[in-house]
Amino acid sequence: MPSDRLNLRRVSRKLRMVQEHLEAMDRDVHGPEFSPWKEEVDHLWRAIFQLANSMAAEPQREALEMVRETWTSYITHYSGLTERREDG
């Protein structure tokens, strides 16, 4: 489906943006920019999964495979980090 190909490209672009933000977050975990970056990354992830959810089965599988490594790393390293920073 043509829209699925377009959505795969959108997922790819959003994933690159996520990766760029994660690099910046890694360099400055305790800086004032961390929370806005994390908020934007969370928004990008929501958009990525919404796009994947709108795809047919095979393109969806491709999109999810494309993001798997970065998503797994993100969840492992950043899950709940904002809450801990705000409490501390």
C-alpha atoms as a PDB file:
ATOM      1  CA  MET A   1       0.000   0.000   0.000  1.00  0.00           C
ATOM      2  CA  PRO A   2       1.496   3.405  -0.915  1.00  0.00           C
ATOM      3  CA  SER A   3       0.534   4.971   2.410  1.00  0.00           C
ATOM      4  CA  ASP A   4       2.412   2.202   4.243  1.00  0.00           C
ATOM      5  CA  ARG A   5       5.595   2.993   2.287  1.00  0.00           C
ATOM      6  CA  LEU A   6       5.191   6.652   3.178  1.00  0.00           C
ATOM      7  CA  ASN A   7       4.594   5.777   6.825  1.00  0.00           C
ATOM      8  CA  LEU A   8       7.717   3.593   6.851  1.00  0.00           C
ATOM      9  CA  ARG A   9       9.731   6.602   5.686  1.00  0.00           C
ATOM     10  CA  ARG A  10       8.092   8.717   8.384  1.00  0.00           C
ATOM     11  CA  VAL A  11       8.995   6.124  11.005  1.00  0.00           C
ATOM     12  CA  SER A  12      12.579   6.119   9.747  1.00  0.00           C
ATOM     13  CA  ARG A  13      12.837   9.927   9.948  1.00  0.00           C
ATOM     14  CA  LYS A  14      11.308  10.034  13.417  1.00  0.00           C
ATOM     15  CA  LEU A  15      13.634   7.259  14.556  1.00  0.00           C
ATOM     16  CA  ARG A  16      16.645   9.313  13.396  1.00  0.00           C
ATOM     17  CA  MET A  17      15.323  12.258  15.408  1.00  0.00           C
ATOM     18  CA  VAL A  18      14.940  10.013  18.458  1.00  0.00           C
ATOM     19  CA  GLN A  19      18.511   8.766  18.057  1.00  0.00           C
ATOM     20  CA  GLU A  20      19.852  12.326  17.800  1.00  0.00           C
ATOM     21  CA  HIS A  21      17.970  13.328  20.949  1.00  0.00           C
ATOM     22  CA  LEU A  22      19.208  10.261  22.812  1.00  0.00           C
ATOM     23  CA  GLU A  23      22.808  11.160  21.974  1.00  0.00           C
ATOM     24  CA  ALA A  24      22.242  14.652  23.392  1.00  0.00           C
ATOM     25  CA  MET A  25      20.504  13.234  26.470  1.00  0.00           C
ATOM     26  CA  ASP A  26      23.411  10.850  27.087  1.00  0.00           C
ATOM     27  CA  ARG A  27      25.868  13.766  27.033  1.00  0.00           C
ATOM     28  CA  ASP A  28      23.863  15.907  29.466  1.00  0.00           C
ATOM     29  CA  VAL A  29      21.774  13.721  31.779  1.00  0.00           C
ATOM     30  CA  HIS A  30      21.814  16.287  34.600  1.00  0.00           C
ATOM     31  CA  GLY A  31      21.510  19.407  32.439  1.00  0.00           C
ATOM     32  CA  PRO A  32      18.490  21.695  32.127  1.00  0.00           C
ATOM     33  CA  GLU A  33      17.793  20.483  28.574  1.00  0.00           C
ATOM     34  CA  PHE A  34      17.296  16.842  29.597  1.00  0.00           C
ATOM     35  CA  SER A  35      13.597  17.053  30.522  1.00  0.00           C
ATOM     36  CA  PRO A  36      12.510  18.883  27.341  1.00  0.00           C
ATOM     37  CA  TRP A  37      14.509  16.417  25.210  1.00  0.00           C
ATOM     38  CA  LYS A  38      12.960  13.455  27.003  1.00  0.00           C
ATOM     39  CA  GLU A  39       9.476  14.917  26.569  1.00  0.00           C
ATOM     40  CA  GLU A  40      10.088  15.373  22.846  1.00  0.00           C
ATOM     41  CA  VAL A  41      11.477  11.826  22.543  1.00  0.00           C
ATOM     42  CA  ASP A  42       8.382  10.459  24.301  1.00  0.00           C
ATOM     43  CA  HIS A  43       6.221  12.380  21.810  1.00  0.00           C
ATOM     44  CA  LEU A  44       8.252  10.978  18.879  1.00  0.00           C
ATOM     45  CA  TRP A  45       7.855   7.423  20.189  1.00  0.00           C
ATOM     46  CA  ARG A  46       4.082   7.893  20.446  1.00  0.00           C
ATOM     47  CA  ALA A  47       4.010   9.140  16.853  1.00  0.00           C
ATOM     48  CA  ILE A  48       6.152   6.209  15.677  1.00  0.00           C
ATOM     49  CA  PHE A  49       3.882   3.638  17.285  1.00  0.00           C
ATOM     50  CA  GLN A  50       0.748   5.375  16.012  1.00  0.00           C
ATOM     51  CA  LEU A  51       2.154   5.201  12.475  1.00  0.00           C
ATOM     52  CA  ALA A  52       3.073   1.535  12.915  1.00  0.00           C
ATOM     53  CA  ASN A  53      -0.389   0.803  14.268  1.00  0.00           C
ATOM     54  CA  SER A  54      -1.961   2.228  11.108  1.00  0.00           C
ATOM     55  CA  MET A  55      -0.007  -0.090   8.778  1.00  0.00           C
ATOM     56  CA  ALA A  56      -0.837  -3.458   7.294  1.00  0.00           C
ATOM     57  CA  ALA A  57       0.794  -6.482   8.945  1.00  0.00           C
ATOM     58  CA  GLU A  58       3.999  -6.783   6.879  1.00  0.00           C
ATOM     59  CA  PRO A  59       4.970  -3.080   6.813  1.00  0.00           C
ATOM     60  CA  GLN A  60       4.079  -2.883  10.496  1.00  0.00           C
ATOM     61  CA  ARG A  61       6.449  -5.766  11.241  1.00  0.00           C
ATOM     62  CA  GLU A  62       9.156  -3.986   9.240  1.00  0.00           C
ATOM     63  CA  ALA A  63       8.596  -0.718  11.144  1.00  0.00           C
ATOM     64  CA  LEU A  64       8.685  -2.447  14.510  1.00  0.00           C
ATOM     65  CA  GLU A  65      11.863  -4.291  13.599  1.00  0.00           C
ATOM     66  CA  MET A  66      13.381  -0.982  12.489  1.00  0.00           C
ATOM     67  CA  VAL A  67      12.803   0.590  15.927  1.00  0.00           C
ATOM     68  CA  ARG A  68      13.309  -2.476  18.134  1.00  0.00           C
ATOM     69  CA  GLU A  69      16.939  -1.925  19.164  1.00  0.00           C
ATOM     70  CA  THR A  70      16.587   1.796  19.878  1.00  0.00           C
ATOM     71  CA  TRP A  71      13.254   1.315  21.671  1.00  0.00           C
ATOM     72  CA  THR A  72      14.656  -1.479  23.863  1.00  0.00           C
ATOM     73  CA  SER A  73      17.673   0.640  24.776  1.00  0.00           C
ATOM     74  CA  TYR A  74      15.462   3.654  25.484  1.00  0.00           C
ATOM     75  CA  ILE A  75      13.108   1.753  27.764  1.00  0.00           C
ATOM     76  CA  THR A  76      16.033   0.132  29.587  1.00  0.00           C
ATOM     77  CA  HIS A  77      17.897   3.383  30.217  1.00  0.00           C
ATOM     78  CA  TYR A  78      15.251   6.097  30.459  1.00  0.00           C
ATOM     79  CA  SER A  79      12.093   4.479  31.796  1.00  0.00           C
ATOM     80  CA  GLY A  80      11.056   6.467  34.851  1.00  0.00           C
ATOM     81  CA  LEU A  81      14.163   8.670  34.797  1.00  0.00           C
ATOM     82  CA  THR A  82      12.218  11.935  34.615  1.00  0.00           C
ATOM     83  CA  GLU A  83      10.150  10.934  37.646  1.00  0.00           C
ATOM     84  CA  ARG A  84      13.312  10.145  39.646  1.00  0.00           C
ATOM     85  CA  ARG A  85      14.913  13.472  38.599  1.00  0.00           C
ATOM     86  CA  GLU A  86      11.826  15.439  39.665  1.00  0.00           C
ATOM     87  CA  ASP A  87      11.627  13.629  43.024  1.00  0.00           C
ATOM     88  CA  GLY A  88      15.357  14.075  43.757  1.00  0.00           C
END
